[in-house]
Amino acid sequence: MNTPTLALGARLSAVKLKDQSGQEIGKVIEWLMDVEEGKVVCVIAEFDQGSYALPWTMMKADLQSGGYVIDTDKVKSYNVQVDRNALGDLVSDKNFLNQLYQTYQLPTYWKDNASTGQGTQANSTAPLTPGQAPNETAKEGEGKGYGG
């Protein structure tokens, strides 16, 4: 069994994001974590063009020089922009993660209301269209407020 690679949480702020050629293109400004499972599920990244939500599973650690490599073509084509000043709303939005992972066509490890299997792709919500903001219809009091 390989020992996990660890990182200090305080040093994860402003971690560099790179394109496939290794050029720095942005930075992570926030990490969204599943507090029950202890897993990072997505990050909010800052680029010249704005702030975007990126699923954790599409990021690859660059262990040689630090930072994370992302598929910039996917980021541009799916275009899931978020309001940096309303990140607390994302924590409360019950559909946000399902929409995000469905938009990026990535499997999830959690069960949503409409799925019955493990690791299934979320299907209870429609994916976001390019440029569409995440759902802002969360009801007051939804979410647990961890870090939000």
Protein backbone atom coordinates (compact mmCIF):
# COMPACT_ATOMS: atom_id res chain seq x y z
CA MET A 1 0.00 0.00 0.00
CA ASN A 2 1.32 3.43 -0.93
CA THR A 3 1.39 6.15 1.68
CA PRO A 4 -0.90 9.09 0.75
CA THR A 5 0.64 12.38 -0.34
CA LEU A 6 -0.34 15.01 2.22
CA ALA A 7 -0.67 18.79 2.06
CA LEU A 8 -1.11 21.37 4.79
CA GLY A 9 -4.53 22.99 4.51
CA ALA A 10 -3.26 26.54 5.04
CA ARG A 11 -0.92 26.10 2.07
CA LEU A 12 -3.71 25.07 -0.28
CA SER A 13 -4.99 28.62 -0.57
CA ALA A 14 -3.87 30.17 -3.84
CA VAL A 15 -2.39 26.90 -5.13
CA LYS A 16 -1.38 27.27 -8.78
CA LEU A 17 -3.39 25.81 -11.63
CA LYS A 18 -1.59 24.92 -14.86
CA ASP A 19 -2.57 23.94 -18.35
CA GLN A 20 -1.35 20.71 -19.94
CA SER A 21 1.89 22.39 -21.05
CA GLY A 22 2.73 23.40 -17.47
CA GLN A 23 2.00 27.12 -17.87
CA GLU A 24 0.38 28.77 -14.84
CA ILE A 25 -3.13 29.90 -15.77
CA GLY A 26 -4.88 30.58 -12.47
CA LYS A 27 -5.19 29.67 -8.82
CA VAL A 28 -7.55 27.92 -6.43
CA ILE A 29 -9.36 30.38 -4.18
CA GLU A 30 -11.62 27.94 -2.30
CA TRP A 31 -11.91 24.22 -1.61
CA LEU A 32 -15.38 22.69 -1.14
CA MET A 33 -15.30 19.60 1.01
CA ASP A 34 -17.76 16.84 1.85
CA VAL A 35 -17.50 17.07 5.64
CA GLU A 36 -19.19 13.71 6.21
CA GLU A 37 -16.84 11.80 3.89
CA GLY A 38 -13.76 13.95 4.43
CA LYS A 39 -13.24 14.46 0.68
CA VAL A 40 -12.67 17.52 -1.45
CA VAL A 41 -15.42 17.51 -4.09
CA CYS A 42 -14.68 20.67 -6.03
CA VAL A 43 -12.66 23.85 -6.04
CA ILE A 44 -13.38 27.42 -7.00
CA ALA A 45 -10.65 28.65 -9.31
CA GLU A 46 -9.75 32.19 -10.30
CA PHE A 47 -8.64 32.83 -13.88
CA ASP A 48 -8.27 36.06 -15.84
CA GLN A 49 -11.78 35.47 -17.20
CA GLY A 50 -13.42 35.05 -13.76
CA SER A 51 -14.17 32.43 -11.11
CA TYR A 52 -15.11 28.87 -12.07
CA ALA A 53 -16.24 25.73 -10.27
CA LEU A 54 -14.09 22.69 -11.10
CA PRO A 55 -14.76 19.11 -9.99
CA TRP A 56 -11.92 17.77 -7.86
CA THR A 57 -11.66 14.62 -9.99
CA MET A 58 -10.56 16.58 -13.06
CA MET A 59 -7.49 18.01 -11.29
CA LYS A 60 -4.16 16.19 -11.44
CA ALA A 61 -1.45 16.97 -8.90
CA ASP A 62 1.89 18.10 -10.32
CA LEU A 63 4.15 16.47 -7.73
CA GLN A 64 7.34 17.61 -9.49
CA SER A 65 6.85 21.38 -9.46
CA GLY A 66 3.69 21.84 -7.40
CA GLY A 67 0.19 22.93 -8.26
CA TYR A 68 -2.47 21.13 -10.27
CA VAL A 69 -2.89 20.50 -13.99
CA ILE A 70 -6.36 20.90 -15.47
CA ASP A 71 -7.90 20.35 -18.88
CA THR A 72 -8.37 23.95 -20.00
CA ASP A 73 -10.44 22.91 -23.03
CA LYS A 74 -13.06 21.39 -20.70
CA VAL A 75 -13.06 24.44 -18.44
CA LYS A 76 -13.63 26.71 -21.45
CA SER A 77 -16.28 24.54 -23.08
CA TYR A 78 -18.33 23.83 -19.93
CA ASN A 79 -17.86 27.38 -18.62
CA VAL A 80 -19.27 26.93 -15.09
CA GLN A 81 -18.70 30.43 -13.77
CA VAL A 82 -19.58 31.28 -10.18
CA ASP A 83 -19.96 34.49 -8.24
CA ARG A 84 -16.95 34.71 -5.95
CA ASN A 85 -19.00 36.82 -3.51
CA ALA A 86 -21.78 34.22 -3.23
CA LEU A 87 -19.82 31.05 -2.48
CA GLY A 88 -21.86 30.47 0.68
CA ASP A 89 -24.90 29.99 -1.55
CA LEU A 90 -23.16 27.09 -3.31
CA VAL A 91 -22.72 25.31 0.03
CA SER A 92 -26.48 25.54 0.61
CA ASP A 93 -27.51 24.62 -2.93
CA LYS A 94 -28.51 20.94 -2.86
CA ASN A 95 -28.35 20.63 -6.67
CA PHE A 96 -25.02 22.36 -7.28
CA LEU A 97 -22.69 19.34 -7.04
CA ASN A 98 -24.97 17.08 -9.05
CA GLN A 99 -25.25 19.72 -11.76
CA LEU A 100 -21.51 20.36 -11.76
CA TYR A 101 -20.52 16.70 -12.06
CA GLN A 102 -23.22 16.03 -14.65
CA THR A 103 -22.07 19.05 -16.68
CA TYR A 104 -18.49 17.74 -16.70
CA GLN A 105 -19.82 14.22 -17.39
CA LEU A 106 -18.04 12.79 -14.36
CA PRO A 107 -19.24 10.02 -12.05
CA THR A 108 -20.06 10.83 -8.44
CA TYR A 109 -19.33 8.80 -5.31
CA TRP A 110 -22.44 9.99 -3.48
CA LYS A 111 -26.02 8.90 -3.93
CA ASP A 112 -28.52 11.48 -5.05
CA ASN A 113 -32.27 11.22 -4.53
CA ALA A 114 -32.90 9.61 -7.91
CA SER A 115 -30.04 7.10 -7.98
CA THR A 116 -29.86 3.73 -6.33
CA GLY A 117 -26.32 2.56 -7.06
CA GLN A 118 -22.93 3.56 -5.77
CA GLY A 119 -20.72 5.86 -7.80
CA THR A 120 -23.47 6.59 -10.27
CA GLN A 121 -23.67 9.65 -12.40
CA ALA A 122 -26.13 12.12 -10.94
CA ASN A 123 -29.34 12.17 -12.90
CA SER A 124 -31.83 14.08 -10.77
CA THR A 125 -30.84 17.46 -12.17
CA ALA A 126 -30.01 18.82 -15.57
CA PRO A 127 -26.41 19.73 -16.37
CA LEU A 128 -25.48 23.38 -16.60
CA THR A 129 -25.25 24.85 -20.07
CA PRO A 130 -22.10 26.83 -20.93
CA GLY A 131 -22.17 30.16 -19.14
CA GLN A 132 -25.16 29.22 -16.95
CA ALA A 133 -24.70 30.06 -13.29
CA PRO A 134 -25.29 27.27 -10.76
CA ASN A 135 -28.82 26.98 -9.41
CA GLU A 136 -29.58 29.73 -6.94
CA THR A 137 -32.89 28.33 -5.70
CA ALA A 138 -31.69 26.79 -2.43
CA LYS A 139 -34.23 27.22 0.35
CA GLU A 140 -33.34 29.12 3.48
CA GLY A 141 -31.82 26.80 6.06
CA GLU A 142 -30.70 24.13 3.60
CA GLY A 143 -27.15 22.87 3.97
CA LYS A 144 -25.24 22.47 7.17
CA GLY A 145 -23.22 25.66 6.83
CA TYR A 146 -19.80 24.07 7.25
CA GLY A 147 -17.35 26.62 5.97
CA GLY A 148 -20.10 28.59 4.30
